Protein backbone atom coordinates (compact mmCIF):
# COMPACT_ATOMS: atom_id res chain seq x y z
CA MET A 1 0.00 0.00 0.00
CA ASP A 2 1.57 3.30 -1.04
CA PHE A 3 1.36 6.60 0.83
CA LEU A 4 -1.69 8.05 -0.93
CA GLN A 5 -3.75 4.89 -0.53
CA ALA A 6 -2.70 4.54 3.13
CA PHE A 7 -3.65 8.17 3.73
CA VAL A 8 -7.16 7.75 2.28
CA VAL A 9 -7.74 4.45 4.09
CA THR A 10 -6.64 5.75 7.50
CA ASP A 11 -8.29 9.18 7.31
CA PRO A 12 -11.18 9.35 4.79
CA VAL A 13 -12.67 12.45 6.47
CA LEU A 14 -9.51 14.40 5.73
CA ALA A 15 -9.59 13.03 2.17
CA TYR A 16 -13.11 14.41 1.73
CA LEU A 17 -11.97 17.73 3.20
CA ILE A 18 -9.07 17.91 0.75
CA LEU A 19 -11.52 17.13 -2.06
CA PHE A 20 -13.79 19.94 -0.85
CA PHE A 21 -11.03 22.58 -0.83
CA GLY A 22 -9.61 21.18 -4.06
CA MET A 23 -12.79 22.33 -5.75
CA PHE A 24 -11.78 25.93 -4.95
CA ILE A 25 -8.58 25.48 -6.98
CA GLU A 26 -9.24 23.03 -9.81
CA GLY A 27 -11.77 20.27 -9.68
CA GLU A 28 -10.97 17.61 -12.23
CA VAL A 29 -7.73 16.28 -10.74
CA PHE A 30 -9.14 16.15 -7.23
CA PHE A 31 -12.41 14.59 -8.37
CA LEU A 32 -10.81 11.94 -10.58
CA THR A 33 -8.39 11.03 -7.80
CA ALA A 34 -11.31 10.61 -5.42
CA ALA A 35 -13.10 8.57 -8.10
CA ILE A 36 -10.23 6.09 -8.16
CA PHE A 37 -10.60 5.57 -4.44
CA ALA A 38 -14.37 5.28 -4.73
CA LEU A 39 -13.99 2.61 -7.41
CA GLU A 40 -11.71 0.71 -5.04
CA GLY A 41 -14.26 1.04 -2.24
CA PHE A 42 -12.20 3.33 0.01
CA LEU A 43 -14.48 6.35 -0.41
CA ASN A 44 -18.25 6.66 -0.82
CA TRP A 45 -19.51 7.85 -4.22
CA TRP A 46 -22.47 9.73 -2.75
CA ILE A 47 -20.29 11.61 -0.27
CA ILE A 48 -17.83 12.43 -3.06
CA LEU A 49 -20.62 13.81 -5.23
CA ALA A 50 -22.09 15.88 -2.40
CA VAL A 51 -18.72 17.24 -1.24
CA THR A 52 -17.72 18.02 -4.81
CA PHE A 53 -20.98 19.80 -5.63
CA VAL A 54 -20.90 21.95 -2.49
CA GLY A 55 -17.19 22.66 -3.02
CA VAL A 56 -17.73 23.78 -6.61
CA ILE A 57 -20.60 26.09 -5.69
CA LEU A 58 -18.86 27.61 -2.67
CA GLY A 59 -15.63 27.94 -4.65
CA ASP A 60 -17.44 29.88 -7.36
CA ILE A 61 -19.08 32.10 -4.75
CA ALA A 62 -15.72 32.76 -3.08
CA TRP A 63 -14.14 33.74 -6.42
CA TYR A 64 -17.17 35.93 -7.21
CA PHE A 65 -16.82 37.87 -3.96
CA LEU A 66 -13.06 38.10 -4.37
CA GLY A 67 -13.68 39.81 -7.69
CA ARG A 68 -16.45 41.99 -6.31
CA PHE A 69 -14.44 43.34 -3.41
CA SER A 70 -11.02 43.49 -5.06
CA LYS A 71 -12.12 45.93 -7.76
CA ASP A 72 -12.00 48.90 -5.39
CA THR A 73 -8.55 48.10 -3.94
CA LYS A 74 -5.13 49.38 -5.03
CA ILE A 75 -4.47 46.17 -6.92
CA GLY A 76 -7.91 46.45 -8.53
CA GLY A 77 -7.11 50.00 -9.63
CA TRP A 78 -3.83 48.82 -11.15
CA VAL A 79 -5.57 45.97 -13.02
CA HIS A 80 -8.28 48.35 -14.18
CA LYS A 81 -5.66 50.70 -15.68
CA LYS A 82 -3.91 47.80 -17.45
CA PHE A 83 -7.10 46.55 -19.08
CA GLU A 84 -8.92 49.85 -19.49
CA GLY A 85 -9.24 49.36 -23.26
CA TYR A 86 -11.30 46.19 -22.76
CA GLN A 87 -13.68 47.62 -20.17
CA ASP A 88 -16.31 48.84 -22.66
CA TRP A 89 -16.39 45.50 -24.48
CA LEU A 90 -16.59 43.67 -21.17
CA GLN A 91 -19.53 45.75 -19.97
CA GLU A 92 -21.41 45.32 -23.25
CA ASN A 93 -20.86 41.60 -23.78
CA PHE A 94 -20.03 39.93 -20.50
CA GLU A 95 -23.44 39.60 -18.90
CA THR A 96 -25.29 38.82 -22.14
CA ARG A 97 -22.89 35.95 -22.91
CA TYR A 98 -22.27 34.86 -19.34
CA LEU A 99 -24.38 31.70 -19.45
CA ARG A 100 -22.30 30.24 -22.29
CA LEU A 101 -19.09 31.47 -20.72
CA ALA A 102 -19.90 29.89 -17.34
CA PHE A 103 -20.70 26.52 -18.94
CA MET A 104 -17.63 26.51 -21.16
CA SER A 105 -15.32 27.72 -18.41
CA LYS A 106 -16.22 24.78 -16.18
CA PHE A 107 -14.26 22.58 -18.55
CA LEU A 108 -11.24 24.87 -19.05
CA TYR A 109 -8.40 24.99 -16.57
CA TYR A 110 -7.84 28.37 -14.90
CA VAL A 111 -10.62 30.04 -16.93
CA ASN A 112 -12.93 28.25 -14.52
CA ARG A 113 -11.82 30.53 -11.68
CA LEU A 114 -11.46 33.65 -13.79
CA THR A 115 -15.11 33.58 -14.89
CA PRO A 116 -16.68 34.00 -11.41
CA LEU A 117 -13.95 36.49 -10.54
CA LEU A 118 -14.92 38.62 -13.55
CA ALA A 119 -18.62 38.26 -12.68
CA GLY A 120 -17.89 39.72 -9.28
CA TRP A 121 -15.65 42.38 -10.80
CA GLN A 122 -18.48 43.45 -13.08
CA LYS A 123 -20.85 43.41 -10.08
CA MET A 124 -23.18 40.96 -11.78
CA ASP A 125 -26.44 40.32 -9.91
CA PHE A 126 -25.66 37.59 -7.38
CA LYS A 127 -28.98 35.74 -7.83
CA LYS A 128 -28.39 35.46 -11.57
CA PHE A 129 -24.78 34.43 -10.99
CA PHE A 130 -25.83 31.78 -8.45
CA ARG A 131 -28.53 30.28 -10.71
CA ILE A 132 -26.13 30.03 -13.65
CA HIS A 133 -23.39 28.44 -11.57
CA LEU A 134 -25.80 26.03 -9.92
CA ILE A 135 -26.80 24.70 -13.34
CA ALA A 136 -23.23 24.77 -14.68
CA ALA A 137 -21.91 22.91 -11.61
CA THR A 138 -24.57 20.24 -12.02
CA ALA A 139 -23.67 19.74 -15.67
CA TRP A 140 -19.94 19.67 -14.88
CA LEU A 141 -20.42 17.16 -12.05
CA ALA A 142 -22.51 14.87 -14.25
CA PHE A 143 -19.83 14.99 -16.95
CA VAL A 144 -16.89 14.31 -14.65
CA PHE A 145 -18.86 11.58 -12.88
CA LEU A 146 -19.30 9.80 -16.21
CA LEU A 147 -15.66 10.46 -16.98
CA GLY A 148 -14.75 9.00 -13.60
CA LYS A 149 -16.78 5.87 -14.34
CA PHE A 150 -15.03 5.54 -17.72
CA PHE A 151 -11.69 6.14 -16.02
CA GLY A 152 -12.66 3.32 -13.64
CA LEU A 153 -13.08 0.92 -16.54
CA ILE A 154 -9.60 1.76 -17.76
CA ILE A 155 -8.20 1.33 -14.25
CA SER A 156 -9.82 -2.06 -13.88
CA ALA A 157 -8.22 -3.09 -17.18
CA VAL A 158 -4.73 -1.71 -16.35
CA GLY A 159 -4.75 -2.19 -12.60
CA VAL A 160 -5.21 0.25 -9.78
CA LYS A 161 -1.71 -0.20 -8.38
CA VAL A 162 -0.15 1.03 -11.65
CA VAL A 163 -2.40 4.12 -11.71
CA LEU A 164 -1.98 4.94 -8.01
CA HIS A 165 1.79 4.58 -8.29
CA ARG A 166 1.85 7.06 -11.18
CA LEU A 167 -0.56 9.37 -9.37
CA TYR A 168 1.62 9.29 -6.27
CA TRP A 169 4.56 10.65 -8.28
CA VAL A 170 2.43 13.37 -9.83
């Protein structure tokens, strides 16, 4: 049993907590890692799905408020000066295209966190933001769940020890 597997087996609550906070950073790697352990029976699928969903939503809300309250700071003023030429386009197009942007950004690394940050920066209505991200998070979770199941089929063919050993080094 390698370190990662021993860690999850001995302290699954901490593994769920790491999964939760991992959703604030980037979700796919944390979710697929948890999926491997769920396929092996070390973690519960339903708890993983619940923790992931709540983590994604709260992560988006945190990034939204970071954007909302950072606009009026010194750093926000500096960023505003650097991108002043794009401000008119952003105000005209951002909110009208936000639904598509939120859905697409869920599947793109780093853009995923920039999108709620920009929504907060533009002071988008929070209720609208929340509804859009609730739907986008549900779609993303369904997709990565199916991806996790597919990944599980590959793991069962190759062997979990091979995958976990490679994952440990990553």
